């Protein structure tokens, strides 16, 4: 993978089995997101999505219940507060692609 594209940093808020929340920080990831607004019968609705590539050979503990924010965020998890300060994304897919020479995780997110 070409390292020049891996310029983003992210914070993942992971929900553990004991219902506690832990933070994971990742440097040098690729984060592409599309900001969209959809017109529905009740007005406008945000519909932003994104894809994150995390190059790694290690197993990552990220699941579809987790939340992700671009940048290194030190705030504790409170979804309402985080959504007011940052663009928070919910993880909707996790693909483990640690095979071959381009080992990585691909994370799909939605606002």
C-alpha atoms as a PDB file:
ATOM      1  CA  UNK A   1       0.000   0.000   0.000  1.00  0.00           C
ATOM      2  CA  UNK A   2       1.198   3.478  -0.783  1.00  0.00           C
ATOM      3  CA  UNK A   3       1.803   5.238   2.565  1.00  0.00           C
ATOM      4  CA  UNK A   4       1.145   8.720   1.130  1.00  0.00           C
ATOM      5  CA  UNK A   5      -2.626   8.061   1.218  1.00  0.00           C
ATOM      6  CA  UNK A   6      -2.632   7.026   4.894  1.00  0.00           C
ATOM      7  CA  UNK A   7      -2.619  10.523   6.373  1.00  0.00           C
ATOM      8  CA  UNK A   8      -5.700  10.415   8.599  1.00  0.00           C
ATOM      9  CA  UNK A   9      -6.109   9.677  12.302  1.00  0.00           C
ATOM     10  CA  UNK A  10      -9.202   8.197  13.923  1.00  0.00           C
ATOM     11  CA  UNK A  11     -10.587   7.421  17.358  1.00  0.00           C
ATOM     12  CA  UNK A  12     -12.773   4.339  17.809  1.00  0.00           C
ATOM     13  CA  UNK A  13     -15.104   4.057  20.801  1.00  0.00           C
ATOM     14  CA  UNK A  14     -15.480   0.301  21.327  1.00  0.00           C
ATOM     15  CA  UNK A  15     -18.248  -1.251  23.434  1.00  0.00           C
ATOM     16  CA  UNK A  16     -16.871  -4.117  25.526  1.00  0.00           C
ATOM     17  CA  UNK A  17     -18.846  -7.165  26.641  1.00  0.00           C
ATOM     18  CA  UNK A  18     -19.125  -5.743  30.185  1.00  0.00           C
ATOM     19  CA  UNK A  19     -20.820  -2.634  28.674  1.00  0.00           C
ATOM     20  CA  UNK A  20     -17.802  -0.399  29.343  1.00  0.00           C
ATOM     21  CA  UNK A  21     -16.414   1.746  26.517  1.00  0.00           C
ATOM     22  CA  UNK A  22     -12.765   1.757  25.537  1.00  0.00           C
ATOM     23  CA  UNK A  23     -10.989   4.081  23.101  1.00  0.00           C
ATOM     24  CA  UNK A  24      -8.629   2.999  20.353  1.00  0.00           C
ATOM     25  CA  UNK A  25      -6.461   5.446  18.440  1.00  0.00           C
ATOM     26  CA  UNK A  26      -5.183   4.799  14.932  1.00  0.00           C
ATOM     27  CA  UNK A  27      -2.624   6.899  13.072  1.00  0.00           C
ATOM     28  CA  UNK A  28      -1.860   6.559   9.373  1.00  0.00           C
ATOM     29  CA  UNK A  29      -5.218   5.294   8.123  1.00  0.00           C
ATOM     30  CA  UNK A  30      -7.073   6.070   4.907  1.00  0.00           C
ATOM     31  CA  UNK A  31     -10.463   7.707   5.539  1.00  0.00           C
ATOM     32  CA  UNK A  32     -12.756   8.607   2.659  1.00  0.00           C
ATOM     33  CA  UNK A  33     -16.167   9.977   3.503  1.00  0.00           C
ATOM     34  CA  UNK A  34     -19.025  11.353   1.479  1.00  0.00           C
ATOM     35  CA  UNK A  35     -21.191  14.052   3.012  1.00  0.00           C
ATOM     36  CA  UNK A  36     -24.743  13.727   1.747  1.00  0.00           C
ATOM     37  CA  UNK A  37     -28.081  15.244   2.591  1.00  0.00           C
ATOM     38  CA  UNK A  38     -31.228  13.475   1.476  1.00  0.00           C
ATOM     39  CA  UNK A  39     -34.556  15.186   0.862  1.00  0.00           C
ATOM     40  CA  UNK A  40     -37.364  13.201   2.472  1.00  0.00           C
ATOM     41  CA  UNK A  41     -41.037  13.991   3.052  1.00  0.00           C
ATOM     42  CA  UNK A  42     -40.262  15.350   6.556  1.00  0.00           C
ATOM     43  CA  UNK A  43     -37.391  17.603   5.465  1.00  0.00           C
ATOM     44  CA  UNK A  44     -33.646  17.060   5.131  1.00  0.00           C
ATOM     45  CA  UNK A  45     -31.846  14.019   6.493  1.00  0.00           C
ATOM     46  CA  UNK A  46     -28.093  13.518   6.828  1.00  0.00           C
ATOM     47  CA  UNK A  47     -26.799  10.442   5.081  1.00  0.00           C
ATOM     48  CA  UNK A  48     -23.009  10.640   5.190  1.00  0.00           C
ATOM     49  CA  UNK A  49     -21.020   7.435   4.740  1.00  0.00           C
ATOM     50  CA  UNK A  50     -17.369   6.518   4.743  1.00  0.00           C
ATOM     51  CA  UNK A  51     -14.712   3.864   4.299  1.00  0.00           C
ATOM     52  CA  UNK A  52     -11.625   3.470   6.439  1.00  0.00           C
ATOM     53  CA  UNK A  53      -8.615   1.324   5.603  1.00  0.00           C
ATOM     54  CA  UNK A  54      -6.410   0.378   8.577  1.00  0.00           C
ATOM     55  CA  UNK A  55      -3.203  -1.336   7.413  1.00  0.00           C
ATOM     56  CA  UNK A  56      -2.295  -3.960  10.024  1.00  0.00           C
ATOM     57  CA  UNK A  57      -1.358  -7.578  10.509  1.00  0.00           C
ATOM     58  CA  UNK A  58      -2.866  -7.605  14.018  1.00  0.00           C
ATOM     59  CA  UNK A  59      -6.423  -8.611  14.921  1.00  0.00           C
ATOM     60  CA  UNK A  60      -8.565  -5.552  15.708  1.00  0.00           C
ATOM     61  CA  UNK A  61     -11.459  -5.637  18.143  1.00  0.00           C
ATOM     62  CA  UNK A  62     -13.885  -3.398  16.236  1.00  0.00           C
ATOM     63  CA  UNK A  63     -17.568  -4.276  15.835  1.00  0.00           C
ATOM     64  CA  UNK A  64     -20.731  -2.864  14.308  1.00  0.00           C
ATOM     65  CA  UNK A  65     -21.833  -1.400  17.664  1.00  0.00           C
ATOM     66  CA  UNK A  66     -18.823   0.941  17.807  1.00  0.00           C
ATOM     67  CA  UNK A  67     -18.532   4.634  16.960  1.00  0.00           C
ATOM     68  CA  UNK A  68     -15.716   6.387  15.143  1.00  0.00           C
ATOM     69  CA  UNK A  69     -14.560   9.998  14.890  1.00  0.00           C
ATOM     70  CA  UNK A  70     -11.906  11.416  12.598  1.00  0.00           C
ATOM     71  CA  UNK A  71      -8.941  12.689  14.605  1.00  0.00           C
ATOM     72  CA  UNK A  72      -7.485  11.847  18.006  1.00  0.00           C
ATOM     73  CA  UNK A  73     -10.297  12.600  20.472  1.00  0.00           C
ATOM     74  CA  UNK A  74      -9.688  12.573  24.230  1.00  0.00           C
ATOM     75  CA  UNK A  75     -13.370  13.066  25.221  1.00  0.00           C
ATOM     76  CA  UNK A  76     -15.124  10.288  27.115  1.00  0.00           C
ATOM     77  CA  UNK A  77     -18.010   8.583  25.323  1.00  0.00           C
ATOM     78  CA  UNK A  78     -21.284  10.472  25.468  1.00  0.00           C
ATOM     79  CA  UNK A  79     -22.956  10.184  22.082  1.00  0.00           C
ATOM     80  CA  UNK A  80     -24.991  13.403  22.322  1.00  0.00           C
ATOM     81  CA  UNK A  81     -21.962  15.485  23.354  1.00  0.00           C
ATOM     82  CA  UNK A  82     -19.739  13.915  20.706  1.00  0.00           C
ATOM     83  CA  UNK A  83     -22.311  14.495  17.954  1.00  0.00           C
ATOM     84  CA  UNK A  84     -22.547  18.178  18.882  1.00  0.00           C
ATOM     85  CA  UNK A  85     -18.761  18.653  18.774  1.00  0.00           C
ATOM     86  CA  UNK A  86     -17.697  16.247  15.989  1.00  0.00           C
ATOM     87  CA  UNK A  87     -18.988  14.272  13.048  1.00  0.00           C
ATOM     88  CA  UNK A  88     -19.557  10.883  14.715  1.00  0.00           C
ATOM     89  CA  UNK A  89     -19.932   7.781  12.571  1.00  0.00           C
ATOM     90  CA  UNK A  90     -21.438   4.407  13.520  1.00  0.00           C
ATOM     91  CA  UNK A  91     -19.528   1.364  12.322  1.00  0.00           C
ATOM     92  CA  UNK A  92     -21.771  -0.600   9.935  1.00  0.00           C
ATOM     93  CA  UNK A  93     -19.291  -3.143   8.531  1.00  0.00           C
ATOM     94  CA  UNK A  94     -15.918  -4.630   9.414  1.00  0.00           C
ATOM     95  CA  UNK A  95     -13.955  -6.607   6.819  1.00  0.00           C
ATOM     96  CA  UNK A  96     -10.845  -8.524   7.902  1.00  0.00           C
ATOM     97  CA  UNK A  97      -8.563  -8.493   4.846  1.00  0.00           C
ATOM     98  CA  UNK A  98      -5.361  -9.726   6.494  1.00  0.00           C
ATOM     99  CA  UNK A  99      -4.460 -12.064   3.656  1.00  0.00           C
ATOM    100  CA  UNK A 100      -1.725 -11.721   1.065  1.00  0.00           C
ATOM    101  CA  UNK A 101       0.617  -8.769   0.777  1.00  0.00           C
ATOM    102  CA  UNK A 102      -1.917  -5.942   1.383  1.00  0.00           C
ATOM    103  CA  UNK A 103      -3.063  -6.837   4.898  1.00  0.00           C
ATOM    104  CA  UNK A 104      -5.669  -4.452   6.313  1.00  0.00           C
ATOM    105  CA  UNK A 105      -9.069  -3.998   7.906  1.00  0.00           C
ATOM    106  CA  UNK A 106     -11.755  -2.148   5.961  1.00  0.00           C
ATOM    107  CA  UNK A 107     -14.340  -0.376   8.104  1.00  0.00           C
ATOM    108  CA  UNK A 108     -17.628   0.936   6.688  1.00  0.00           C
ATOM    109  CA  UNK A 109     -19.319   3.773   8.573  1.00  0.00           C
ATOM    110  CA  UNK A 110     -22.532   5.775   8.399  1.00  0.00           C
ATOM    111  CA  UNK A 111     -23.548   8.991  10.153  1.00  0.00           C
END
